[in-house]
Amino acid sequence: AKQPTVNQKRMKREALAMLACRHPSVVRLVDFVSHGELNYLAMEYASRGDLRGIMQDRTENGRTEPFPQDLALRLMSQVLDGLDVVHRAGIIHRDIKPENLLLTEEGTIKIADFGIAHLPSENP
């Protein structure tokens, strides 16, 4: 049998992490397919994009408008709630950054990209 590629292993790890961390602030896995050369993850859609893009949208003429304090506190509270669930599942995300924090139309932040996460079933 053919050995799984690095990308296939990463996708499987990502799928397992999302399944172990069901929470409103963690992106939801809709489907995972791994069949021969075909591999894909289908995740819930976050229509407002990632936090990096949202921050860049607040830049005009080289000057960045700060986030309103109440919005920043609300979003970071959601991230911390999601990370609490992730850590309680024994998972270390290892790549929290604005590009991996997605925002839904309703204003909910979603932690995404568990591709390099450390799972409890793996050796340290």
PDB file of N, CA and C in Angstrom:
ATOM      1  N   ALA A   1       0.839  -1.188   0.000  1.00  0.00           N
ATOM      2  CA  ALA A   1       0.000   0.000   0.000  1.00  0.00           C
ATOM      3  C   ALA A   1       0.876   1.240   0.000  1.00  0.00           C
ATOM      4  N   LYS A   2       0.411   2.259  -0.688  1.00  0.00           N
ATOM      5  CA  LYS A   2       1.138   3.518  -0.795  1.00  0.00           C
ATOM      6  C   LYS A   2       1.096   4.274   0.528  1.00  0.00           C
ATOM      7  N   GLN A   3       2.243   4.825   0.947  1.00  0.00           N
ATOM      8  CA  GLN A   3       2.317   5.584   2.191  1.00  0.00           C
ATOM      9  C   GLN A   3       1.601   6.931   2.025  1.00  0.00           C
ATOM     10  N   PRO A   4       0.897   7.377   3.084  1.00  0.00           N
ATOM     11  CA  PRO A   4       0.236   8.687   3.004  1.00  0.00           C
ATOM     12  C   PRO A   4       1.276   9.810   2.851  1.00  0.00           C
ATOM     13  N   THR A   5       0.913  10.814   2.078  1.00  0.00           N
ATOM     14  CA  THR A   5       1.802  11.962   1.904  1.00  0.00           C
ATOM     15  C   THR A   5       1.732  12.857   3.135  1.00  0.00           C
ATOM     16  N   VAL A   6       2.666  13.795   3.226  1.00  0.00           N
ATOM     17  CA  VAL A   6       2.673  14.760   4.337  1.00  0.00           C
ATOM     18  C   VAL A   6       1.367  15.537   4.345  1.00  0.00           C
ATOM     19  N   ASN A   7       0.882  15.915   3.159  1.00  0.00           N
ATOM     20  CA  ASN A   7      -0.367  16.667   3.065  1.00  0.00           C
ATOM     21  C   ASN A   7      -1.560  15.833   3.549  1.00  0.00           C
ATOM     22  N   GLN A   8      -1.576  14.550   3.209  1.00  0.00           N
ATOM     23  CA  GLN A   8      -2.663  13.672   3.653  1.00  0.00           C
ATOM     24  C   GLN A   8      -2.649  13.523   5.174  1.00  0.00           C
ATOM     25  N   LYS A   9      -1.462  13.388   5.749  1.00  0.00           N
ATOM     26  CA  LYS A   9      -1.339  13.281   7.206  1.00  0.00           C
ATOM     27  C   LYS A   9      -1.806  14.571   7.883  1.00  0.00           C
ATOM     28  N   ARG A  10      -1.414  15.685   7.301  1.00  0.00           N
ATOM     29  CA  ARG A  10      -1.812  16.979   7.866  1.00  0.00           C
ATOM     30  C   ARG A  10      -3.327  17.148   7.823  1.00  0.00           C
ATOM     31  N   MET A  11      -3.943  16.780   6.709  1.00  0.00           N
ATOM     32  CA  MET A  11      -5.397  16.921   6.578  1.00  0.00           C
ATOM     33  C   MET A  11      -6.121  16.014   7.570  1.00  0.00           C
ATOM     34  N   LYS A  12      -5.621  14.802   7.749  1.00  0.00           N
ATOM     35  CA  LYS A  12      -6.245  13.892   8.704  1.00  0.00           C
ATOM     36  C   LYS A  12      -6.115  14.439  10.123  1.00  0.00           C
ATOM     37  N   ARG A  13      -4.943  14.979  10.471  1.00  0.00           N
ATOM     38  CA  ARG A  13      -4.732  15.575  11.785  1.00  0.00           C
ATOM     39  C   ARG A  13      -5.692  16.745  11.997  1.00  0.00           C
ATOM     40  N   GLU A  14      -5.833  17.567  10.965  1.00  0.00           N
ATOM     41  CA  GLU A  14      -6.730  18.712  11.057  1.00  0.00           C
ATOM     42  C   GLU A  14      -8.168  18.264  11.277  1.00  0.00           C
ATOM     43  N   ALA A  15      -8.607  17.246  10.544  1.00  0.00           N
ATOM     44  CA  ALA A  15      -9.975  16.727  10.689  1.00  0.00           C
ATOM     45  C   ALA A  15     -10.194  16.183  12.098  1.00  0.00           C
ATOM     46  N   LEU A  16      -9.246  15.411  12.612  1.00  0.00           N
ATOM     47  CA  LEU A  16      -9.370  14.853  13.964  1.00  0.00           C
ATOM     48  C   LEU A  16      -9.439  15.952  15.019  1.00  0.00           C
ATOM     49  N   ALA A  17      -8.629  16.979  14.856  1.00  0.00           N
ATOM     50  CA  ALA A  17      -8.627  18.084  15.823  1.00  0.00           C
ATOM     51  C   ALA A  17      -9.967  18.807  15.822  1.00  0.00           C
ATOM     52  N   MET A  18     -10.513  19.077  14.643  1.00  0.00           N
ATOM     53  CA  MET A  18     -11.801  19.780  14.574  1.00  0.00           C
ATOM     54  C   MET A  18     -12.921  18.931  15.163  1.00  0.00           C
ATOM     55  N   LEU A  19     -12.873  17.624  14.947  1.00  0.00           N
ATOM     56  CA  LEU A  19     -13.896  16.745  15.515  1.00  0.00           C
ATOM     57  C   LEU A  19     -13.817  16.698  17.037  1.00  0.00           C
ATOM     58  N   ALA A  20     -12.608  16.789  17.575  1.00  0.00           N
ATOM     59  CA  ALA A  20     -12.420  16.714  19.028  1.00  0.00           C
ATOM     60  C   ALA A  20     -12.784  18.015  19.732  1.00  0.00           C
ATOM     61  N   CYS A  21     -12.931  19.097  18.978  1.00  0.00           N
ATOM     62  CA  CYS A  21     -13.115  20.423  19.576  1.00  0.00           C
ATOM     63  C   CYS A  21     -14.397  21.094  19.085  1.00  0.00           C
ATOM     64  N   ARG A  22     -15.511  20.486  19.328  1.00  0.00           N
ATOM     65  CA  ARG A  22     -16.780  21.095  18.906  1.00  0.00           C
ATOM     66  C   ARG A  22     -17.123  22.250  19.843  1.00  0.00           C
ATOM     67  N   HIS A  23     -17.140  23.439  19.275  1.00  0.00           N
ATOM     68  CA  HIS A  23     -17.395  24.656  20.046  1.00  0.00           C
ATOM     69  C   HIS A  23     -17.767  25.764  19.061  1.00  0.00           C
ATOM     70  N   PRO A  24     -18.623  26.708  19.455  1.00  0.00           N
ATOM     71  CA  PRO A  24     -19.004  27.789  18.536  1.00  0.00           C
ATOM     72  C   PRO A  24     -17.823  28.620  18.026  1.00  0.00           C
ATOM     73  N   SER A  25     -16.695  28.625  18.745  1.00  0.00           N
ATOM     74  CA  SER A  25     -15.535  29.409  18.312  1.00  0.00           C
ATOM     75  C   SER A  25     -14.463  28.567  17.622  1.00  0.00           C
ATOM     76  N   VAL A  26     -14.794  27.343  17.269  1.00  0.00           N
ATOM     77  CA  VAL A  26     -13.880  26.483  16.505  1.00  0.00           C
ATOM     78  C   VAL A  26     -14.593  26.118  15.211  1.00  0.00           C
ATOM     79  N   VAL A  27     -13.895  26.299  14.086  1.00  0.00           N
ATOM     80  CA  VAL A  27     -14.511  26.004  12.792  1.00  0.00           C
ATOM     81  C   VAL A  27     -15.007  24.556  12.780  1.00  0.00           C
ATOM     82  N   ARG A  28     -16.195  24.364  12.240  1.00  0.00           N
ATOM     83  CA  ARG A  28     -16.841  23.047  12.240  1.00  0.00           C
ATOM     84  C   ARG A  28     -16.479  22.274  10.973  1.00  0.00           C
ATOM     85  N   LEU A  29     -16.102  21.020  11.156  1.00  0.00           N
ATOM     86  CA  LEU A  29     -15.826  20.137  10.031  1.00  0.00           C
ATOM     87  C   LEU A  29     -17.150  19.617   9.480  1.00  0.00           C
ATOM     88  N   VAL A  30     -17.373  19.787   8.189  1.00  0.00           N
ATOM     89  CA  VAL A  30     -18.589  19.314   7.536  1.00  0.00           C
ATOM     90  C   VAL A  30     -18.354  17.941   6.902  1.00  0.00           C
ATOM     91  N   ASP A  31     -17.177  17.753   6.287  1.00  0.00           N
ATOM     92  CA  ASP A  31     -16.885  16.482   5.637  1.00  0.00           C
ATOM     93  C   ASP A  31     -15.379  16.332   5.470  1.00  0.00           C
ATOM     94  N   PHE A  32     -14.920  15.100   5.471  1.00  0.00           N
ATOM     95  CA  PHE A  32     -13.515  14.774   5.237  1.00  0.00           C
ATOM     96  C   PHE A  32     -13.476  13.553   4.333  1.00  0.00           C
ATOM     97  N   VAL A  33     -12.771  13.667   3.209  1.00  0.00           N
ATOM     98  CA  VAL A  33     -12.657  12.560   2.270  1.00  0.00           C
ATOM     99  C   VAL A  33     -11.176  12.318   1.996  1.00  0.00           C
ATOM    100  N   SER A  34     -10.774  11.076   2.124  1.00  0.00           N
ATOM    101  CA  SER A  34      -9.425  10.661   1.769  1.00  0.00           C
ATOM    102  C   SER A  34      -9.562   9.339   1.039  1.00  0.00           C
ATOM    103  N   HIS A  35      -9.429   9.396  -0.279  1.00  0.00           N
ATOM    104  CA  HIS A  35      -9.584   8.198  -1.109  1.00  0.00           C
ATOM    105  C   HIS A  35      -8.537   8.256  -2.212  1.00  0.00           C
ATOM    106  N   GLY A  36      -7.513   7.437  -2.080  1.00  0.00           N
ATOM    107  CA  GLY A  36      -6.444   7.452  -3.073  1.00  0.00           C
ATOM    108  C   GLY A  36      -5.782   8.815  -3.126  1.00  0.00           C
ATOM    109  N   GLU A  37      -5.755   9.412  -4.312  1.00  0.00           N
ATOM    110  CA  GLU A  37      -5.140  10.727  -4.498  1.00  0.00           C
ATOM    111  C   GLU A  37      -6.087  11.874  -4.107  1.00  0.00           C
ATOM    112  N   LEU A  38      -7.375  11.559  -3.922  1.00  0.00           N
ATOM    113  CA  LEU A  38      -8.369  12.582  -3.596  1.00  0.00           C
ATOM    114  C   LEU A  38      -8.433  12.797  -2.080  1.00  0.00           C
ATOM    115  N   ASN A  39      -8.201  14.019  -1.656  1.00  0.00           N
ATOM    116  CA  ASN A  39      -8.268  14.389  -0.246  1.00  0.00           C
ATOM    117  C   ASN A  39      -8.875  15.775  -0.132  1.00  0.00           C
ATOM    118  N   TYR A  40      -9.881  15.900   0.727  1.00  0.00           N
ATOM    119  CA  TYR A  40     -10.388  17.243   0.979  1.00  0.00           C
ATOM    120  C   TYR A  40     -11.066  17.328   2.333  1.00  0.00           C
ATOM    121  N   LEU A  41     -11.067  18.539   2.848  1.00  0.00           N
ATOM    122  CA  LEU A  41     -11.797  18.905   4.056  1.00  0.00           C
ATOM    123  C   LEU A  41     -12.854  19.908   3.643  1.00  0.00           C
ATOM    124  N   ALA A  42     -14.072  19.726   4.088  1.00  0.00           N
ATOM    125  CA  ALA A  42     -15.118  20.722   3.882  1.00  0.00           C
ATOM    126  C   ALA A  42     -15.451  21.275   5.259  1.00  0.00           C
ATOM    127  N   MET A  43     -15.317  22.596   5.400  1.00  0.00           N
ATOM    128  CA  MET A  43     -15.543  23.249   6.688  1.00  0.00           C
ATOM    129  C   MET A  43     -16.644  24.296   6.562  1.00  0.00           C
ATOM    130  N   GLU A  44     -17.182  24.686   7.704  1.00  0.00           N
ATOM    131  CA  GLU A  44     -18.203  25.730   7.659  1.00  0.00           C
ATOM    132  C   GLU A  44     -17.604  26.999   7.068  1.00  0.00           C
ATOM    133  N   TYR A  45     -18.458  27.796   6.474  1.00  0.00           N
ATOM    134  CA  TYR A  45     -18.049  29.004   5.773  1.00  0.00           C
ATOM    135  C   TYR A  45     -18.099  30.205   6.706  1.00  0.00           C
ATOM    136  N   ALA A  46     -17.034  30.985   6.692  1.00  0.00           N
ATOM    137  CA  ALA A  46     -16.974  32.226   7.470  1.00  0.00           C
ATOM    138  C   ALA A  46     -16.911  33.375   6.465  1.00  0.00           C
ATOM    139  N   SER A  47     -18.052  33.967   6.193  1.00  0.00           N
ATOM    140  CA  SER A  47     -18.203  34.894   5.073  1.00  0.00           C
ATOM    141  C   SER A  47     -17.426  36.201   5.194  1.00  0.00           C
ATOM    142  N   ARG A  48     -17.041  36.581   6.406  1.00  0.00           N
ATOM    143  CA  ARG A  48     -16.352  37.870   6.558  1.00  0.00           C
ATOM    144  C   ARG A  48     -14.836  37.743   6.486  1.00  0.00           C
ATOM    145  N   GLY A  49     -14.342  36.532   6.230  1.00  0.00           N
ATOM    146  CA  GLY A  49     -12.903  36.353   6.023  1.00  0.00           C
ATOM    147  C   GLY A  49     -12.123  36.231   7.318  1.00  0.00           C
ATOM    148  N   ASP A  50     -10.810  36.395   7.180  1.00  0.00           N
ATOM    149  CA  ASP A  50      -9.956  36.236   8.359  1.00  0.00           C
ATOM    150  C   ASP A  50      -9.663  37.580   9.016  1.00  0.00           C
ATOM    151  N   LEU A  51      -9.175  37.499  10.235  1.00  0.00           N
ATOM    152  CA  LEU A  51      -8.941  38.704  11.034  1.00  0.00           C
ATOM    153  C   LEU A  51      -7.858  39.584  10.412  1.00  0.00           C
ATOM    154  N   ARG A  52      -6.853  38.991   9.739  1.00  0.00           N
ATOM    155  CA  ARG A  52      -5.814  39.793   9.069  1.00  0.00           C
ATOM    156  C   ARG A  52      -6.463  40.684   8.011  1.00  0.00           C
ATOM    157  N   GLY A  53      -7.324  40.116   7.185  1.00  0.00           N
ATOM    158  CA  GLY A  53      -7.993  40.909   6.153  1.00  0.00           C
ATOM    159  C   GLY A  53      -8.872  41.992   6.741  1.00  0.00           C
ATOM    160  N   ILE A  54      -9.547  41.666   7.835  1.00  0.00           N
ATOM    161  CA  ILE A  54     -10.407  42.655   8.492  1.00  0.00           C
ATOM    162  C   ILE A  54      -9.562  43.797   9.041  1.00  0.00           C
ATOM    163  N   MET A  55      -8.406  43.474   9.606  1.00  0.00           N
ATOM    164  CA  MET A  55      -7.507  44.513  10.124  1.00  0.00           C
ATOM    165  C   MET A  55      -6.974  45.367   8.979  1.00  0.00           C
ATOM    166  N   GLN A  56      -6.629  44.737   7.843  1.00  0.00           N
ATOM    167  CA  GLN A  56      -6.121  45.490   6.697  1.00  0.00           C
ATOM    168  C   GLN A  56      -7.192  46.398   6.111  1.00  0.00           C
ATOM    169  N   ASP A  57      -8.452  45.966   6.175  1.00  0.00           N
ATOM    170  CA  ASP A  57      -9.553  46.792   5.688  1.00  0.00           C
ATOM    171  C   ASP A  57      -9.704  48.068   6.511  1.00  0.00           C
ATOM    172  N   ARG A  58      -9.160  48.071   7.717  1.00  0.00           N
ATOM    173  CA  ARG A  58      -9.260  49.240   8.588  1.00  0.00           C
ATOM    174  C   ARG A  58      -8.115  50.224   8.346  1.00  0.00           C
ATOM    175  N   THR A  59      -7.275  49.944   7.346  1.00  0.00           N
ATOM    176  CA  THR A  59      -6.141  50.804   7.019  1.00  0.00           C
ATOM    177  C   THR A  59      -6.514  51.700   5.845  1.00  0.00           C
ATOM    178  N   GLU A  60      -6.305  52.984   6.028  1.00  0.00           N
ATOM    179  CA  GLU A  60      -6.616  53.951   4.980  1.00  0.00           C
ATOM    180  C   GLU A  60      -5.515  55.002   4.962  1.00  0.00           C
ATOM    181  N   ASN A  61      -4.935  55.258   3.777  1.00  0.00           N
ATOM    182  CA  ASN A  61      -3.857  56.224   3.616  1.00  0.00           C
ATOM    183  C   ASN A  61      -2.700  55.947   4.577  1.00  0.00           C
ATOM    184  N   GLY A  62      -2.372  54.674   4.757  1.00  0.00           N
ATOM    185  CA  GLY A  62      -1.255  54.307   5.612  1.00  0.00           C
ATOM    186  C   GLY A  62      -1.540  54.387   7.104  1.00  0.00           C
ATOM    187  N   ARG A  63      -2.752  54.753   7.469  1.00  0.00           N
ATOM    188  CA  ARG A  63      -3.120  54.885   8.883  1.00  0.00           C
ATOM    189  C   ARG A  63      -4.173  53.835   9.226  1.00  0.00           C
ATOM    190  N   THR A  64      -3.903  53.062  10.258  1.00  0.00           N
ATOM    191  CA  THR A  64      -4.833  52.014  10.659  1.00  0.00           C
ATOM    192  C   THR A  64      -5.736  52.519  11.765  1.00  0.00           C
ATOM    193  N   GLU A  65      -7.033  52.395  11.514  1.00  0.00           N
ATOM    194  CA  GLU A  65      -8.005  52.739  12.542  1.00  0.00           C
ATOM    195  C   GLU A  65      -8.044  51.609  13.567  1.00  0.00           C
ATOM    196  N   PRO A  66      -7.953  51.921  14.846  1.00  0.00           N
ATOM    197  CA  PRO A  66      -7.996  50.855  15.849  1.00  0.00           C
ATOM    198  C   PRO A  66      -9.375  50.202  15.908  1.00  0.00           C
ATOM    199  N   PHE A  67      -9.381  48.937  16.322  1.00  0.00           N
ATOM    200  CA  PHE A  67     -10.637  48.255  16.563  1.00  0.00           C
ATOM    201  C   PHE A  67     -11.329  48.947  17.732  1.00  0.00           C
ATOM    202  N   PRO A  68     -12.633  49.052  17.673  1.00  0.00           N
ATOM    203  CA  PRO A  68     -13.336  49.527  18.871  1.00  0.00           C
ATOM    204  C   PRO A  68     -13.050  48.549  20.018  1.00  0.00           C
ATOM    205  N   GLN A  69     -12.826  49.078  21.201  1.00  0.00           N
ATOM    206  CA  GLN A  69     -12.444  48.244  22.335  1.00  0.00           C
ATOM    207  C   GLN A  69     -13.466  47.141  22.618  1.00  0.00           C
ATOM    208  N   ASP A  70     -14.748  47.459  22.545  1.00  0.00           N
ATOM    209  CA  ASP A  70     -15.760  46.444  22.842  1.00  0.00           C
ATOM    210  C   ASP A  70     -15.721  45.298  21.828  1.00  0.00           C
ATOM    211  N   LEU A  71     -15.459  45.601  20.546  1.00  0.00           N
ATOM    212  CA  LEU A  71     -15.359  44.570  19.522  1.00  0.00           C
ATOM    213  C   LEU A  71     -14.120  43.701  19.765  1.00  0.00           C
ATOM    214  N   ALA A  72     -12.985  44.329  20.033  1.00  0.00           N
ATOM    215  CA  ALA A  72     -11.751  43.579  20.285  1.00  0.00           C
ATOM    216  C   ALA A  72     -11.921  42.653  21.490  1.00  0.00           C
ATOM    217  N   LEU A  73     -12.532  43.140  22.555  1.00  0.00           N
ATOM    218  CA  LEU A  73     -12.745  42.316  23.748  1.00  0.00           C
ATOM    219  C   LEU A  73     -13.700  41.160  23.465  1.00  0.00           C
ATOM    220  N   ARG A  74     -14.760  41.415  22.704  1.00  0.00           N
ATOM    221  CA  ARG A  74     -15.726  40.365  22.372  1.00  0.00           C
ATOM    222  C   ARG A  74     -15.078  39.272  21.529  1.00  0.00           C
ATOM    223  N   LEU A  75     -14.303  39.671  20.510  1.00  0.00           N
ATOM    224  CA  LEU A  75     -13.656  38.685  19.642  1.00  0.00           C
ATOM    225  C   LEU A  75     -12.605  37.875  20.395  1.00  0.00           C
ATOM    226  N   MET A  76     -11.787  38.547  21.197  1.00  0.00           N
ATOM    227  CA  MET A  76     -10.736  37.822  21.915  1.00  0.00           C
ATOM    228  C   MET A  76     -11.323  36.928  23.007  1.00  0.00           C
ATOM    229  N   SER A  77     -12.449  37.321  23.575  1.00  0.00           N
ATOM    230  CA  SER A  77     -13.122  36.454  24.548  1.00  0.00           C
ATOM    231  C   SER A  77     -13.572  35.167  23.867  1.00  0.00           C
ATOM    232  N   GLN A  78     -14.080  35.280  22.633  1.00  0.00           N
ATOM    233  CA  GLN A  78     -14.493  34.098  21.876  1.00  0.00           C
ATOM    234  C   GLN A  78     -13.285  33.206  21.560  1.00  0.00           C
ATOM    235  N   VAL A  79     -12.166  33.831  21.179  1.00  0.00           N
ATOM    236  CA  VAL A  79     -10.950  33.057  20.883  1.00  0.00           C
ATOM    237  C   VAL A  79     -10.501  32.298  22.127  1.00  0.00           C
ATOM    238  N   LEU A  80     -10.499  32.975  23.271  1.00  0.00           N
ATOM    239  CA  LEU A  80     -10.059  32.323  24.512  1.00  0.00           C
ATOM    240  C   LEU A  80     -11.001  31.197  24.915  1.00  0.00           C
ATOM    241  N   ASP A  81     -12.304  31.385  24.729  1.00  0.00           N
ATOM    242  CA  ASP A  81     -13.259  30.301  25.016  1.00  0.00           C
ATOM    243  C   ASP A  81     -12.982  29.098  24.115  1.00  0.00           C
ATOM    244  N   GLY A  82     -12.731  29.351  22.838  1.00  0.00           N
ATOM    245  CA  GLY A  82     -12.432  28.271  21.911  1.00  0.00           C
ATOM    246  C   GLY A  82     -11.121  27.571  22.254  1.00  0.00           C
ATOM    247  N   LEU A  83     -10.092  28.350  22.591  1.00  0.00           N
ATOM    248  CA  LEU A  83      -8.803  27.745  22.954  1.00  0.00           C
ATOM    249  C   LEU A  83      -8.908  26.929  24.234  1.00  0.00           C
ATOM    250  N   ASP A  84      -9.769  27.346  25.154  1.00  0.00           N
ATOM    251  CA  ASP A  84      -9.981  26.571  26.370  1.00  0.00           C
ATOM    252  C   ASP A  84     -10.487  25.169  26.021  1.00  0.00           C
ATOM    253  N   VAL A  85     -11.443  25.090  25.107  1.00  0.00           N
ATOM    254  CA  VAL A  85     -11.980  23.793  24.678  1.00  0.00           C
ATOM    255  C   VAL A  85     -10.901  22.986  23.950  1.00  0.00           C
ATOM    256  N   VAL A  86     -10.130  23.640  23.099  1.00  0.00           N
ATOM    257  CA  VAL A  86      -9.051  22.974  22.367  1.00  0.00           C
ATOM    258  C   VAL A  86      -8.044  22.375  23.357  1.00  0.00           C
ATOM    259  N   HIS A  87      -7.634  23.177  24.336  1.00  0.00           N
ATOM    260  CA  HIS A  87      -6.637  22.702  25.310  1.00  0.00           C
ATOM    261  C   HIS A  87      -7.200  21.614  26.214  1.00  0.00           C
ATOM    262  N   ARG A  88      -8.465  21.712  26.576  1.00  0.00           N
ATOM    263  CA  ARG A  88      -9.083  20.655  27.399  1.00  0.00           C
ATOM    264  C   ARG A  88      -9.143  19.324  26.647  1.00  0.00           C
ATOM    265  N   ALA A  89      -9.175  19.396  25.305  1.00  0.00           N
ATOM    266  CA  ALA A  89      -9.154  18.180  24.489  1.00  0.00           C
ATOM    267  C   ALA A  89      -7.729  17.637  24.333  1.00  0.00           C
ATOM    268  N   GLY A  90      -6.758  18.339  24.941  1.00  0.00           N
ATOM    269  CA  GLY A  90      -5.367  17.902  24.868  1.00  0.00           C
ATOM    270  C   GLY A  90      -4.664  18.305  23.592  1.00  0.00           C
ATOM    271  N   ILE A  91      -5.225  19.255  22.871  1.00  0.00           N
ATOM    272  CA  ILE A  91      -4.675  19.692  21.585  1.00  0.00           C
ATOM    273  C   ILE A  91      -3.976  21.029  21.753  1.00  0.00           C
ATOM    274  N   ILE A  92      -2.803  21.139  21.139  1.00  0.00           N
ATOM    275  CA  ILE A  92      -2.086  22.415  21.104  1.00  0.00           C
ATOM    276  C   ILE A  92      -2.126  22.885  19.653  1.00  0.00           C
ATOM    277  N   HIS A  93      -2.756  24.027  19.401  1.00  0.00           N
ATOM    278  CA  HIS A  93      -2.968  24.512  18.034  1.00  0.00           C
ATOM    279  C   HIS A  93      -1.647  24.821  17.336  1.00  0.00           C
ATOM    280  N   ARG A  94      -0.766  25.551  17.959  1.00  0.00           N
ATOM    281  CA  ARG A  94       0.579  25.916  17.493  1.00  0.00           C
ATOM    282  C   ARG A  94       0.607  26.899  16.318  1.00  0.00           C
ATOM    283  N   ASP A  95      -0.511  27.501  15.949  1.00  0.00           N
ATOM    284  CA  ASP A  95      -0.474  28.452  14.832  1.00  0.00           C
ATOM    285  C   ASP A  95      -1.590  29.489  14.943  1.00  0.00           C
ATOM    286  N   ILE A  96      -1.800  30.005  16.160  1.00  0.00           N
ATOM    287  CA  ILE A  96      -2.807  31.060  16.330  1.00  0.00           C
ATOM    288  C   ILE A  96      -2.228  32.364  15.797  1.00  0.00           C
ATOM    289  N   LYS A  97      -2.896  32.909  14.805  1.00  0.00           N
ATOM    290  CA  LYS A  97      -2.513  34.187  14.199  1.00  0.00           C
ATOM    291  C   LYS A  97      -3.751  34.738  13.506  1.00  0.00           C
ATOM    292  N   PRO A  98      -3.755  36.026  13.160  1.00  0.00           N
ATOM    293  CA  PRO A  98      -4.960  36.618  12.559  1.00  0.00           C
ATOM    294  C   PRO A  98      -5.479  35.877  11.329  1.00  0.00           C
ATOM    295  N   GLU A  99      -4.591  35.289  10.530  1.00  0.00           N
ATOM    296  CA  GLU A  99      -5.018  34.580   9.328  1.00  0.00           C
ATOM    297  C   GLU A  99      -5.800  33.307   9.651  1.00  0.00           C
ATOM    298  N   ASN A 100      -5.650  32.791  10.855  1.00  0.00           N
ATOM    299  CA  ASN A 100      -6.332  31.558  11.250  1.00  0.00           C
ATOM    300  C   ASN A 100      -7.521  31.812  12.174  1.00  0.00           C
ATOM    301  N   LEU A 101      -7.947  33.046  12.259  1.00  0.00           N
ATOM    302  CA  LEU A 101      -9.139  33.424  13.019  1.00  0.00           C
ATOM    303  C   LEU A 101     -10.142  33.988  12.021  1.00  0.00           C
ATOM    304  N   LEU A 102     -11.207  33.239  11.783  1.00  0.00           N
ATOM    305  CA  LEU A 102     -12.200  33.594  10.764  1.00  0.00           C
ATOM    306  C   LEU A 102     -13.426  34.207  11.420  1.00  0.00           C
ATOM    307  N   LEU A 103     -14.113  35.066  10.690  1.00  0.00           N
ATOM    308  CA  LEU A 103     -15.289  35.745  11.226  1.00  0.00           C
ATOM    309  C   LEU A 103     -16.516  35.433  10.381  1.00  0.00           C
ATOM    310  N   THR A 104     -17.588  35.002  11.053  1.00  0.00           N
ATOM    311  CA  THR A 104     -18.836  34.703  10.353  1.00  0.00           C
ATOM    312  C   THR A 104     -19.642  35.982  10.158  1.00  0.00           C
ATOM    313  N   GLU A 105     -20.674  35.872   9.353  1.00  0.00           N
ATOM    314  CA  GLU A 105     -21.572  37.009   9.109  1.00  0.00           C
ATOM    315  C   GLU A 105     -22.215  37.492  10.408  1.00  0.00           C
ATOM    316  N   GLU A 106     -22.449  36.562  11.338  1.00  0.00           N
ATOM    317  CA  GLU A 106     -23.083  36.898  12.624  1.00  0.00           C
ATOM    318  C   GLU A 106     -22.108  37.514  13.620  1.00  0.00           C
ATOM    319  N   GLY A 107     -20.818  37.568  13.267  1.00  0.00           N
ATOM    320  CA  GLY A 107     -19.829  38.171  14.154  1.00  0.00           C
ATOM    321  C   GLY A 107     -19.173  37.201  15.115  1.00  0.00           C
ATOM    322  N   THR A 108     -19.285  35.905  14.825  1.00  0.00           N
ATOM    323  CA  THR A 108     -18.628  34.897  15.648  1.00  0.00           C
ATOM    324  C   THR A 108     -17.260  34.597  15.071  1.00  0.00           C
ATOM    325  N   ILE A 109     -16.252  34.576  15.933  1.00  0.00           N
ATOM    326  CA  ILE A 109     -14.899  34.232  15.485  1.00  0.00           C
ATOM    327  C   ILE A 109     -14.748  32.721  15.507  1.00  0.00           C
ATOM    328  N   LYS A 110     -14.008  32.177  14.548  1.00  0.00           N
ATOM    329  CA  LYS A 110     -13.798  30.739  14.422  1.00  0.00           C
ATOM    330  C   LYS A 110     -12.298  30.454  14.334  1.00  0.00           C
ATOM    331  N   ILE A 111     -11.797  29.639  15.234  1.00  0.00           N
ATOM    332  CA  ILE A 111     -10.400  29.210  15.175  1.00  0.00           C
ATOM    333  C   ILE A 111     -10.306  28.160  14.066  1.00  0.00           C
ATOM    334  N   ALA A 112      -9.367  28.364  13.146  1.00  0.00           N
ATOM    335  CA  ALA A 112      -9.212  27.464  12.005  1.00  0.00           C
ATOM    336  C   ALA A 112      -7.760  27.028  11.859  1.00  0.00           C
ATOM    337  N   ASP A 113      -7.510  26.160  10.909  1.00  0.00           N
ATOM    338  CA  ASP A 113      -6.199  25.655  10.511  1.00  0.00           C
ATOM    339  C   ASP A 113      -5.490  24.901  11.638  1.00  0.00           C
ATOM    340  N   PHE A 114      -5.941  23.673  11.831  1.00  0.00           N
ATOM    341  CA  PHE A 114      -5.333  22.786  12.817  1.00  0.00           C
ATOM    342  C   PHE A 114      -4.298  21.871  12.166  1.00  0.00           C
ATOM    343  N   GLY A 115      -3.769  22.268  11.015  1.00  0.00           N
ATOM    344  CA  GLY A 115      -2.861  21.420  10.247  1.00  0.00           C
ATOM    345  C   GLY A 115      -1.561  21.078  10.941  1.00  0.00           C
ATOM    346  N   ILE A 116      -1.061  21.953  11.817  1.00  0.00           N
ATOM    347  CA  ILE A 116       0.183  21.637  12.532  1.00  0.00           C
ATOM    348  C   ILE A 116      -0.066  21.463  14.029  1.00  0.00           C
ATOM    349  N   ALA A 117      -1.320  21.277  14.389  1.00  0.00           N
ATOM    350  CA  ALA A 117      -1.672  21.089  15.805  1.00  0.00           C
ATOM    351  C   ALA A 117      -1.038  19.810  16.334  1.00  0.00           C
ATOM    352  N   HIS A 118      -0.755  19.814  17.628  1.00  0.00           N
ATOM    353  CA  HIS A 118      -0.252  18.607  18.292  1.00  0.00           C
ATOM    354  C   HIS A 118      -1.432  17.940  18.974  1.00  0.00           C
ATOM    355  N   LEU A 119      -1.686  16.696  18.606  1.00  0.00           N
ATOM    356  CA  LEU A 119      -2.799  15.938  19.166  1.00  0.00           C
ATOM    357  C   LEU A 119      -2.314  15.066  20.313  1.00  0.00           C
ATOM    358  N   PRO A 120      -3.202  14.760  21.275  1.00  0.00           N
ATOM    359  CA  PRO A 120      -2.772  13.954  22.422  1.00  0.00           C
ATOM    360  C   PRO A 120      -2.305  12.550  22.058  1.00  0.00           C
ATOM    361  N   SER A 121      -2.715  12.039  20.908  1.00  0.00           N
ATOM    362  CA  SER A 121      -2.322  10.690  20.500  1.00  0.00           C
ATOM    363  C   SER A 121      -0.912  10.639  19.913  1.00  0.00           C
ATOM    364  N   GLU A 122      -0.299  11.828  19.706  1.00  0.00           N
ATOM    365  CA  GLU A 122       1.032  11.888  19.092  1.00  0.00           C
ATOM    366  C   GLU A 122       2.104  11.973  20.161  1.00  0.00           C
ATOM    367  N   ASN A 123       3.303  11.510  19.826  1.00  0.00           N
ATOM    368  CA  ASN A 123       4.428  11.633  20.740  1.00  0.00           C
ATOM    369  C   ASN A 123       4.810  13.101  20.867  1.00  0.00           C
ATOM    370  N   PRO A 124       5.327  13.514  22.023  1.00  0.00           N
ATOM    371  CA  PRO A 124       5.717  14.930  22.205  1.00  0.00           C
ATOM    372  C   PRO A 124       6.795  15.358  21.241  1.00  0.00           C
TER     373      PRO A 124
END
